[in-house]
Amino acid sequence: AGNQTYPVDVVVSYENRDGEMVTSASDTVGVPVLGKLTFVVISDPVSVSPGSENTIAVQYRNTGTQTAFHAQARLSVVDPFTSSDNNAYLGDLKPGDTATAHFRLITDGAAPAQDHALDTEVRFRDALDNSQVSDTFKVDIRGTPSLQCGR
């Protein structure tokens, strides 16, 4: 559902004093529905080289129309990467707010020097305190050649 007010027809059925079922006339009311909360990564691609262990910084922006409470980012790490810390607390993010997550990323020594995209998502609480998870989106990782010293 999009960010708009939707019409809903409401009727009331009840049993009257004579024990008969009675249905009221229909009345149309508007039900506001807020748009889905969305996030984007706004930081530049992270550069890593084979055999390295880095703490990477990823900047997230709430592009939705409502506040994400107690937001947490998760980075899904796949080969040639591993991580000992792939979750980060972002805090409360109002629409347009940004926050930076720090993840520990270990790159395999045999990783090719190519670009990668790792999945990320944001878990948060909505205004009704319901737990929500964003759609999955990407964090770009730029693989750079390892620096080797020659003799």
N, C-alpha and C. Protein backbone atom coordinates (compact mmCIF):
# COMPACT_ATOMS: atom_id res chain seq x y z
N ALA A 1 0.85 -1.19 0.00
CA ALA A 1 0.00 0.00 0.00
C ALA A 1 0.88 1.24 0.00
N GLY A 2 0.48 2.23 -0.76
CA GLY A 2 1.23 3.47 -0.84
C GLY A 2 0.89 4.42 0.28
N ASN A 3 1.58 5.53 0.33
CA ASN A 3 1.41 6.54 1.36
C ASN A 3 0.22 7.42 0.99
N GLN A 4 -0.99 7.03 1.41
CA GLN A 4 -2.20 7.79 1.12
C GLN A 4 -3.32 7.34 2.03
N THR A 5 -4.48 7.97 1.90
CA THR A 5 -5.67 7.58 2.67
C THR A 5 -6.56 6.75 1.78
N TYR A 6 -6.96 5.58 2.29
CA TYR A 6 -7.79 4.65 1.54
C TYR A 6 -9.22 4.65 2.09
N PRO A 7 -10.24 4.61 1.22
CA PRO A 7 -11.62 4.56 1.70
C PRO A 7 -11.98 3.15 2.17
N VAL A 8 -12.73 3.08 3.26
CA VAL A 8 -13.21 1.81 3.79
C VAL A 8 -14.69 1.98 4.13
N ASP A 9 -15.52 1.06 3.63
CA ASP A 9 -16.94 1.08 3.98
C ASP A 9 -17.14 0.34 5.29
N VAL A 10 -17.90 0.96 6.20
CA VAL A 10 -18.13 0.39 7.52
C VAL A 10 -19.63 0.19 7.72
N VAL A 11 -20.01 -1.01 8.19
CA VAL A 11 -21.39 -1.30 8.57
C VAL A 11 -21.38 -1.95 9.94
N VAL A 12 -22.45 -1.80 10.67
CA VAL A 12 -22.57 -2.42 11.98
C VAL A 12 -23.76 -3.36 11.95
N SER A 13 -23.54 -4.59 12.34
CA SER A 13 -24.62 -5.57 12.48
C SER A 13 -24.81 -5.84 13.96
N TYR A 14 -26.05 -5.86 14.39
CA TYR A 14 -26.32 -6.07 15.81
C TYR A 14 -27.71 -6.69 15.98
N GLU A 15 -27.95 -7.20 17.18
CA GLU A 15 -29.25 -7.77 17.49
C GLU A 15 -30.04 -6.71 18.26
N ASN A 16 -31.24 -6.38 17.76
CA ASN A 16 -32.05 -5.35 18.43
C ASN A 16 -32.81 -5.96 19.62
N ARG A 17 -33.68 -5.14 20.28
CA ARG A 17 -34.42 -5.58 21.48
C ARG A 17 -35.37 -6.75 21.19
N ASP A 18 -35.81 -6.83 19.95
CA ASP A 18 -36.75 -7.90 19.57
C ASP A 18 -36.03 -9.18 19.17
N GLY A 19 -34.69 -9.18 19.26
CA GLY A 19 -33.92 -10.37 18.91
C GLY A 19 -33.66 -10.50 17.42
N GLU A 20 -33.95 -9.46 16.66
CA GLU A 20 -33.73 -9.51 15.21
C GLU A 20 -32.36 -8.94 14.88
N MET A 21 -31.70 -9.52 13.86
CA MET A 21 -30.41 -9.01 13.39
C MET A 21 -30.68 -7.81 12.49
N VAL A 22 -30.02 -6.70 12.78
CA VAL A 22 -30.19 -5.46 12.03
C VAL A 22 -28.82 -5.01 11.54
N THR A 23 -28.75 -4.51 10.33
CA THR A 23 -27.50 -3.99 9.76
C THR A 23 -27.69 -2.52 9.45
N SER A 24 -26.76 -1.71 9.91
CA SER A 24 -26.84 -0.26 9.68
C SER A 24 -26.55 0.07 8.23
N ALA A 25 -26.80 1.32 7.89
CA ALA A 25 -26.43 1.81 6.56
C ALA A 25 -24.91 1.89 6.48
N SER A 26 -24.38 1.74 5.30
CA SER A 26 -22.95 1.81 5.07
C SER A 26 -22.46 3.25 5.18
N ASP A 27 -21.29 3.41 5.80
CA ASP A 27 -20.65 4.72 5.90
C ASP A 27 -19.20 4.56 5.45
N THR A 28 -18.71 5.49 4.65
CA THR A 28 -17.34 5.41 4.16
C THR A 28 -16.45 6.32 5.00
N VAL A 29 -15.34 5.75 5.48
CA VAL A 29 -14.35 6.51 6.25
C VAL A 29 -13.00 6.36 5.57
N GLY A 30 -12.09 7.29 5.86
CA GLY A 30 -10.74 7.23 5.30
C GLY A 30 -9.76 6.65 6.30
N VAL A 31 -8.96 5.71 5.85
CA VAL A 31 -7.94 5.10 6.70
C VAL A 31 -6.57 5.50 6.15
N PRO A 32 -5.80 6.30 6.92
CA PRO A 32 -4.48 6.69 6.42
C PRO A 32 -3.49 5.52 6.53
N VAL A 33 -2.74 5.31 5.47
CA VAL A 33 -1.71 4.28 5.44
C VAL A 33 -0.39 4.97 5.12
N LEU A 34 0.58 4.78 6.02
CA LEU A 34 1.90 5.36 5.79
C LEU A 34 2.67 4.48 4.82
N GLY A 35 3.50 5.08 4.02
CA GLY A 35 4.30 4.33 3.05
C GLY A 35 5.32 3.45 3.75
N LYS A 36 5.82 2.48 3.03
CA LYS A 36 6.82 1.56 3.56
C LYS A 36 8.09 2.31 3.88
N LEU A 37 8.70 1.97 4.99
CA LEU A 37 9.94 2.61 5.39
C LEU A 37 11.09 2.03 4.56
N THR A 38 11.89 2.89 3.96
CA THR A 38 12.98 2.44 3.10
C THR A 38 14.29 3.10 3.53
N PHE A 39 15.37 2.45 3.18
CA PHE A 39 16.71 2.93 3.51
C PHE A 39 17.60 2.81 2.27
N VAL A 40 18.66 3.61 2.22
CA VAL A 40 19.67 3.50 1.18
C VAL A 40 21.04 3.65 1.83
N VAL A 41 22.05 3.10 1.16
CA VAL A 41 23.44 3.31 1.55
C VAL A 41 23.91 4.54 0.79
N ILE A 42 24.45 5.54 1.50
CA ILE A 42 24.88 6.77 0.84
C ILE A 42 26.40 6.93 0.84
N SER A 43 27.10 6.01 1.48
CA SER A 43 28.56 6.11 1.50
C SER A 43 29.15 5.57 0.20
N ASP A 44 30.35 6.00 -0.10
CA ASP A 44 31.07 5.51 -1.27
C ASP A 44 31.41 4.03 -1.08
N PRO A 45 31.69 3.31 -2.17
CA PRO A 45 32.10 1.92 -2.04
C PRO A 45 33.33 1.80 -1.13
N VAL A 46 33.36 0.72 -0.36
CA VAL A 46 34.47 0.46 0.55
C VAL A 46 35.56 -0.29 -0.21
N SER A 47 36.81 0.12 -0.06
CA SER A 47 37.93 -0.56 -0.72
C SER A 47 38.61 -1.51 0.25
N VAL A 48 38.81 -2.75 -0.20
CA VAL A 48 39.52 -3.76 0.59
C VAL A 48 40.47 -4.51 -0.33
N SER A 49 41.52 -5.07 0.24
CA SER A 49 42.47 -5.86 -0.55
C SER A 49 42.52 -7.28 0.01
N PRO A 50 42.92 -8.25 -0.81
CA PRO A 50 42.99 -9.64 -0.37
C PRO A 50 43.86 -9.79 0.87
N GLY A 51 43.41 -10.63 1.81
CA GLY A 51 44.17 -10.90 3.02
C GLY A 51 44.07 -9.80 4.07
N SER A 52 43.20 -8.81 3.87
CA SER A 52 43.11 -7.71 4.83
C SER A 52 41.98 -7.92 5.83
N GLU A 53 42.10 -7.25 6.96
CA GLU A 53 41.05 -7.21 7.97
C GLU A 53 40.80 -5.75 8.27
N ASN A 54 39.57 -5.29 8.02
CA ASN A 54 39.26 -3.87 8.13
C ASN A 54 37.98 -3.66 8.92
N THR A 55 37.90 -2.50 9.57
CA THR A 55 36.62 -2.03 10.10
C THR A 55 36.10 -1.06 9.05
N ILE A 56 35.00 -1.43 8.43
CA ILE A 56 34.45 -0.59 7.37
C ILE A 56 33.30 0.25 7.91
N ALA A 57 33.15 1.44 7.37
CA ALA A 57 32.07 2.34 7.76
C ALA A 57 31.07 2.42 6.60
N VAL A 58 29.80 2.17 6.92
CA VAL A 58 28.73 2.22 5.93
C VAL A 58 27.68 3.20 6.43
N GLN A 59 27.37 4.20 5.62
CA GLN A 59 26.41 5.22 6.02
C GLN A 59 25.04 4.92 5.42
N TYR A 60 24.02 4.89 6.30
CA TYR A 60 22.64 4.59 5.92
C TYR A 60 21.79 5.85 6.05
N ARG A 61 20.77 5.99 5.17
CA ARG A 61 19.82 7.09 5.25
C ARG A 61 18.40 6.51 5.25
N ASN A 62 17.56 7.04 6.15
CA ASN A 62 16.14 6.70 6.17
C ASN A 62 15.47 7.53 5.09
N THR A 63 15.02 6.90 4.02
CA THR A 63 14.35 7.60 2.92
C THR A 63 12.83 7.45 3.01
N GLY A 64 12.35 6.90 4.11
CA GLY A 64 10.92 6.71 4.30
C GLY A 64 10.25 7.96 4.84
N THR A 65 8.98 7.82 5.19
CA THR A 65 8.17 8.95 5.66
C THR A 65 7.88 8.89 7.15
N GLN A 66 8.51 7.95 7.85
CA GLN A 66 8.28 7.82 9.28
C GLN A 66 9.59 7.46 9.99
N THR A 67 9.58 7.58 11.31
CA THR A 67 10.78 7.31 12.10
C THR A 67 10.99 5.82 12.28
N ALA A 68 12.23 5.38 12.15
CA ALA A 68 12.62 4.01 12.46
C ALA A 68 13.24 4.05 13.86
N PHE A 69 12.61 3.40 14.81
CA PHE A 69 13.09 3.41 16.19
C PHE A 69 14.01 2.21 16.44
N HIS A 70 15.08 2.45 17.22
CA HIS A 70 16.03 1.40 17.60
C HIS A 70 16.54 0.62 16.39
N ALA A 71 16.89 1.32 15.33
CA ALA A 71 17.32 0.68 14.08
C ALA A 71 18.67 -0.01 14.25
N GLN A 72 18.79 -1.16 13.60
CA GLN A 72 20.03 -1.93 13.59
C GLN A 72 20.31 -2.40 12.18
N ALA A 73 21.53 -2.23 11.73
CA ALA A 73 21.92 -2.68 10.39
C ALA A 73 22.59 -4.04 10.50
N ARG A 74 22.38 -4.86 9.48
CA ARG A 74 23.03 -6.17 9.39
C ARG A 74 23.63 -6.30 8.00
N LEU A 75 24.88 -6.75 7.95
CA LEU A 75 25.58 -6.98 6.70
C LEU A 75 25.69 -8.49 6.49
N SER A 76 25.18 -8.99 5.37
CA SER A 76 25.26 -10.42 5.06
C SER A 76 26.58 -10.67 4.34
N VAL A 77 27.45 -11.37 5.01
CA VAL A 77 28.81 -11.58 4.52
C VAL A 77 28.91 -12.95 3.85
N VAL A 78 29.44 -12.97 2.62
CA VAL A 78 29.61 -14.21 1.86
C VAL A 78 31.05 -14.27 1.33
N ASP A 79 31.45 -15.47 0.89
CA ASP A 79 32.78 -15.70 0.34
C ASP A 79 33.08 -14.69 -0.78
N PRO A 80 34.19 -14.00 -0.81
CA PRO A 80 35.44 -14.25 -0.10
C PRO A 80 35.60 -13.44 1.19
N PHE A 81 34.50 -13.09 1.82
CA PHE A 81 34.55 -12.29 3.05
C PHE A 81 34.03 -13.10 4.23
N THR A 82 34.53 -12.76 5.41
CA THR A 82 33.99 -13.25 6.67
C THR A 82 33.93 -12.05 7.61
N SER A 83 33.23 -12.23 8.72
CA SER A 83 33.12 -11.13 9.67
C SER A 83 32.93 -11.66 11.07
N SER A 84 33.54 -11.00 12.03
CA SER A 84 33.31 -11.32 13.43
C SER A 84 32.32 -10.33 14.04
N ASP A 85 31.91 -9.33 13.24
CA ASP A 85 30.99 -8.30 13.73
C ASP A 85 30.24 -7.72 12.53
N ASN A 86 29.05 -8.29 12.25
CA ASN A 86 28.30 -7.84 11.07
C ASN A 86 26.95 -7.22 11.43
N ASN A 87 26.79 -6.79 12.69
CA ASN A 87 25.60 -6.07 13.14
C ASN A 87 26.03 -4.75 13.77
N ALA A 88 25.22 -3.70 13.57
CA ALA A 88 25.55 -2.39 14.14
C ALA A 88 24.28 -1.66 14.53
N TYR A 89 24.32 -1.00 15.67
CA TYR A 89 23.18 -0.22 16.15
C TYR A 89 23.21 1.16 15.51
N LEU A 90 22.09 1.58 14.93
CA LEU A 90 21.99 2.88 14.27
C LEU A 90 21.22 3.90 15.11
N GLY A 91 20.36 3.43 16.02
CA GLY A 91 19.56 4.34 16.84
C GLY A 91 18.24 4.69 16.17
N ASP A 92 17.62 5.78 16.63
CA ASP A 92 16.37 6.26 16.06
C ASP A 92 16.68 7.12 14.84
N LEU A 93 16.06 6.82 13.71
CA LEU A 93 16.30 7.57 12.47
C LEU A 93 15.00 8.17 11.97
N LYS A 94 14.90 9.48 12.05
CA LYS A 94 13.75 10.19 11.49
C LYS A 94 13.89 10.21 9.97
N PRO A 95 12.81 10.52 9.25
CA PRO A 95 12.93 10.62 7.79
C PRO A 95 14.06 11.59 7.39
N GLY A 96 14.95 11.13 6.52
CA GLY A 96 16.08 11.94 6.07
C GLY A 96 17.32 11.82 6.93
N ASP A 97 17.20 11.25 8.14
CA ASP A 97 18.36 11.10 9.02
C ASP A 97 19.33 10.05 8.47
N THR A 98 20.61 10.23 8.82
CA THR A 98 21.64 9.27 8.45
C THR A 98 22.34 8.77 9.71
N ALA A 99 22.92 7.58 9.61
CA ALA A 99 23.72 7.00 10.69
C ALA A 99 24.79 6.13 10.05
N THR A 100 25.90 6.01 10.75
CA THR A 100 27.02 5.21 10.25
C THR A 100 27.16 3.93 11.05
N ALA A 101 27.23 2.81 10.33
CA ALA A 101 27.46 1.50 10.93
C ALA A 101 28.91 1.12 10.68
N HIS A 102 29.51 0.44 11.66
CA HIS A 102 30.88 -0.06 11.52
C HIS A 102 30.83 -1.58 11.60
N PHE A 103 31.42 -2.23 10.59
CA PHE A 103 31.44 -3.68 10.51
C PHE A 103 32.90 -4.14 10.40
N ARG A 104 33.19 -5.30 10.97
CA ARG A 104 34.51 -5.92 10.84
C ARG A 104 34.46 -6.83 9.63
N LEU A 105 35.30 -6.58 8.62
CA LEU A 105 35.28 -7.35 7.38
C LEU A 105 36.66 -7.93 7.12
N ILE A 106 36.71 -9.25 6.97
CA ILE A 106 37.96 -9.96 6.70
C ILE A 106 37.88 -10.48 5.27
N THR A 107 38.89 -10.14 4.47
CA THR A 107 38.92 -10.54 3.06
C THR A 107 39.91 -11.68 2.89
N ASP A 108 39.47 -12.76 2.27
CA ASP A 108 40.31 -13.92 2.03
C ASP A 108 41.53 -13.51 1.21
N GLY A 109 42.66 -14.14 1.48
CA GLY A 109 43.89 -13.82 0.76
C GLY A 109 43.84 -14.15 -0.72
N ALA A 110 42.96 -15.06 -1.11
CA ALA A 110 42.84 -15.44 -2.52
C ALA A 110 41.71 -14.70 -3.23
N ALA A 111 41.16 -13.68 -2.58
CA ALA A 111 40.04 -12.93 -3.17
C ALA A 111 40.49 -12.21 -4.44
N PRO A 112 39.70 -12.32 -5.50
CA PRO A 112 40.06 -11.59 -6.73
C PRO A 112 39.87 -10.09 -6.54
N ALA A 113 40.67 -9.31 -7.23
CA ALA A 113 40.57 -7.85 -7.17
C ALA A 113 39.42 -7.41 -8.07
N GLN A 114 38.21 -7.57 -7.58
CA GLN A 114 37.02 -7.19 -8.35
C GLN A 114 35.99 -6.59 -7.40
N ASP A 115 34.99 -5.96 -7.98
CA ASP A 115 33.94 -5.35 -7.17
C ASP A 115 32.94 -6.40 -6.71
N HIS A 116 32.42 -6.21 -5.50
CA HIS A 116 31.43 -7.11 -4.91
C HIS A 116 30.28 -6.26 -4.37
N ALA A 117 29.14 -6.88 -4.18
CA ALA A 117 28.00 -6.22 -3.53
C ALA A 117 27.48 -7.15 -2.46
N LEU A 118 27.52 -6.70 -1.21
CA LEU A 118 27.01 -7.50 -0.10
C LEU A 118 25.62 -7.01 0.28
N ASP A 119 24.75 -7.95 0.63
CA ASP A 119 23.40 -7.59 1.05
C ASP A 119 23.41 -6.98 2.45
N THR A 120 22.52 -6.03 2.65
CA THR A 120 22.33 -5.44 3.96
C THR A 120 20.84 -5.19 4.17
N GLU A 121 20.43 -5.10 5.42
CA GLU A 121 19.05 -4.78 5.76
C GLU A 121 19.05 -4.06 7.10
N VAL A 122 17.93 -3.40 7.39
CA VAL A 122 17.79 -2.67 8.64
C VAL A 122 16.58 -3.21 9.39
N ARG A 123 16.79 -3.61 10.63
CA ARG A 123 15.70 -4.03 11.51
C ARG A 123 15.39 -2.85 12.41
N PHE A 124 14.09 -2.58 12.63
CA PHE A 124 13.70 -1.42 13.42
C PHE A 124 12.34 -1.65 14.04
N ARG A 125 11.94 -0.75 14.94
CA ARG A 125 10.61 -0.76 15.53
C ARG A 125 9.83 0.39 14.92
N ASP A 126 8.58 0.15 14.56
CA ASP A 126 7.76 1.22 13.98
C ASP A 126 7.06 2.01 15.09
N ALA A 127 6.21 2.96 14.70
CA ALA A 127 5.54 3.84 15.66
C ALA A 127 4.61 3.08 16.60
N LEU A 128 4.16 1.88 16.20
CA LEU A 128 3.31 1.05 17.06
C LEU A 128 4.12 0.02 17.85
N ASP A 129 5.46 0.16 17.80
CA ASP A 129 6.41 -0.72 18.49
C ASP A 129 6.42 -2.14 17.92
N ASN A 130 6.05 -2.28 16.64
CA ASN A 130 6.15 -3.56 15.95
C ASN A 130 7.54 -3.69 15.35
N SER A 131 8.10 -4.90 15.43
CA SER A 131 9.40 -5.16 14.81
C SER A 131 9.22 -5.27 13.30
N GLN A 132 10.07 -4.57 12.55
CA GLN A 132 10.01 -4.55 11.08
C GLN A 132 11.42 -4.79 10.53
N VAL A 133 11.49 -5.29 9.32
CA VAL A 133 12.76 -5.45 8.62
C VAL A 133 12.61 -4.84 7.24
N SER A 134 13.58 -4.02 6.85
CA SER A 134 13.54 -3.37 5.54
C SER A 134 13.74 -4.40 4.44
N ASP A 135 13.49 -3.99 3.22
CA ASP A 135 13.89 -4.79 2.07
C ASP A 135 15.41 -4.87 2.07
N THR A 136 15.94 -5.89 1.42
CA THR A 136 17.39 -6.04 1.29
C THR A 136 17.90 -5.08 0.22
N PHE A 137 19.05 -4.46 0.49
CA PHE A 137 19.69 -3.60 -0.49
C PHE A 137 21.19 -3.85 -0.42
N LYS A 138 22.01 -3.14 -1.19
CA LYS A 138 23.41 -3.50 -1.38
C LYS A 138 24.40 -2.51 -0.75
N VAL A 139 25.54 -3.08 -0.31
CA VAL A 139 26.73 -2.32 0.08
C VAL A 139 27.80 -2.69 -0.93
N ASP A 140 28.34 -1.71 -1.64
CA ASP A 140 29.35 -1.97 -2.66
C ASP A 140 30.73 -2.06 -2.03
N ILE A 141 31.44 -3.13 -2.40
CA ILE A 141 32.81 -3.38 -1.92
C ILE A 141 33.71 -3.39 -3.15
N ARG A 142 34.74 -2.58 -3.11
CA ARG A 142 35.69 -2.50 -4.23
C ARG A 142 36.93 -3.31 -3.85
N GLY A 143 37.16 -4.39 -4.58
CA GLY A 143 38.37 -5.20 -4.36
C GLY A 143 39.55 -4.58 -5.05
N THR A 144 40.61 -4.33 -4.30
CA THR A 144 41.81 -3.74 -4.87
C THR A 144 42.94 -4.78 -4.82
N PRO A 145 43.91 -4.70 -5.73
CA PRO A 145 45.03 -5.63 -5.70
C PRO A 145 45.81 -5.50 -4.39
N SER A 146 46.33 -6.62 -3.91
CA SER A 146 47.14 -6.54 -2.68
C SER A 146 48.47 -5.91 -3.02
N LEU A 147 49.00 -5.22 -2.04
CA LEU A 147 50.32 -4.58 -2.21
C LEU A 147 51.36 -5.61 -1.84
N GLN A 148 52.22 -5.93 -2.77
CA GLN A 148 53.27 -6.91 -2.52
C GLN A 148 54.61 -6.23 -2.69
N CYS A 149 55.49 -6.46 -1.75
CA CYS A 149 56.83 -5.88 -1.83
C CYS A 149 57.75 -6.87 -2.54
N GLY A 150 58.46 -6.41 -3.53
CA GLY A 150 59.42 -7.28 -4.23
C GLY A 150 60.81 -7.08 -3.69
N ARG A 151 61.66 -8.02 -3.95
CA ARG A 151 63.05 -7.90 -3.48
C ARG A 151 63.92 -7.39 -4.57
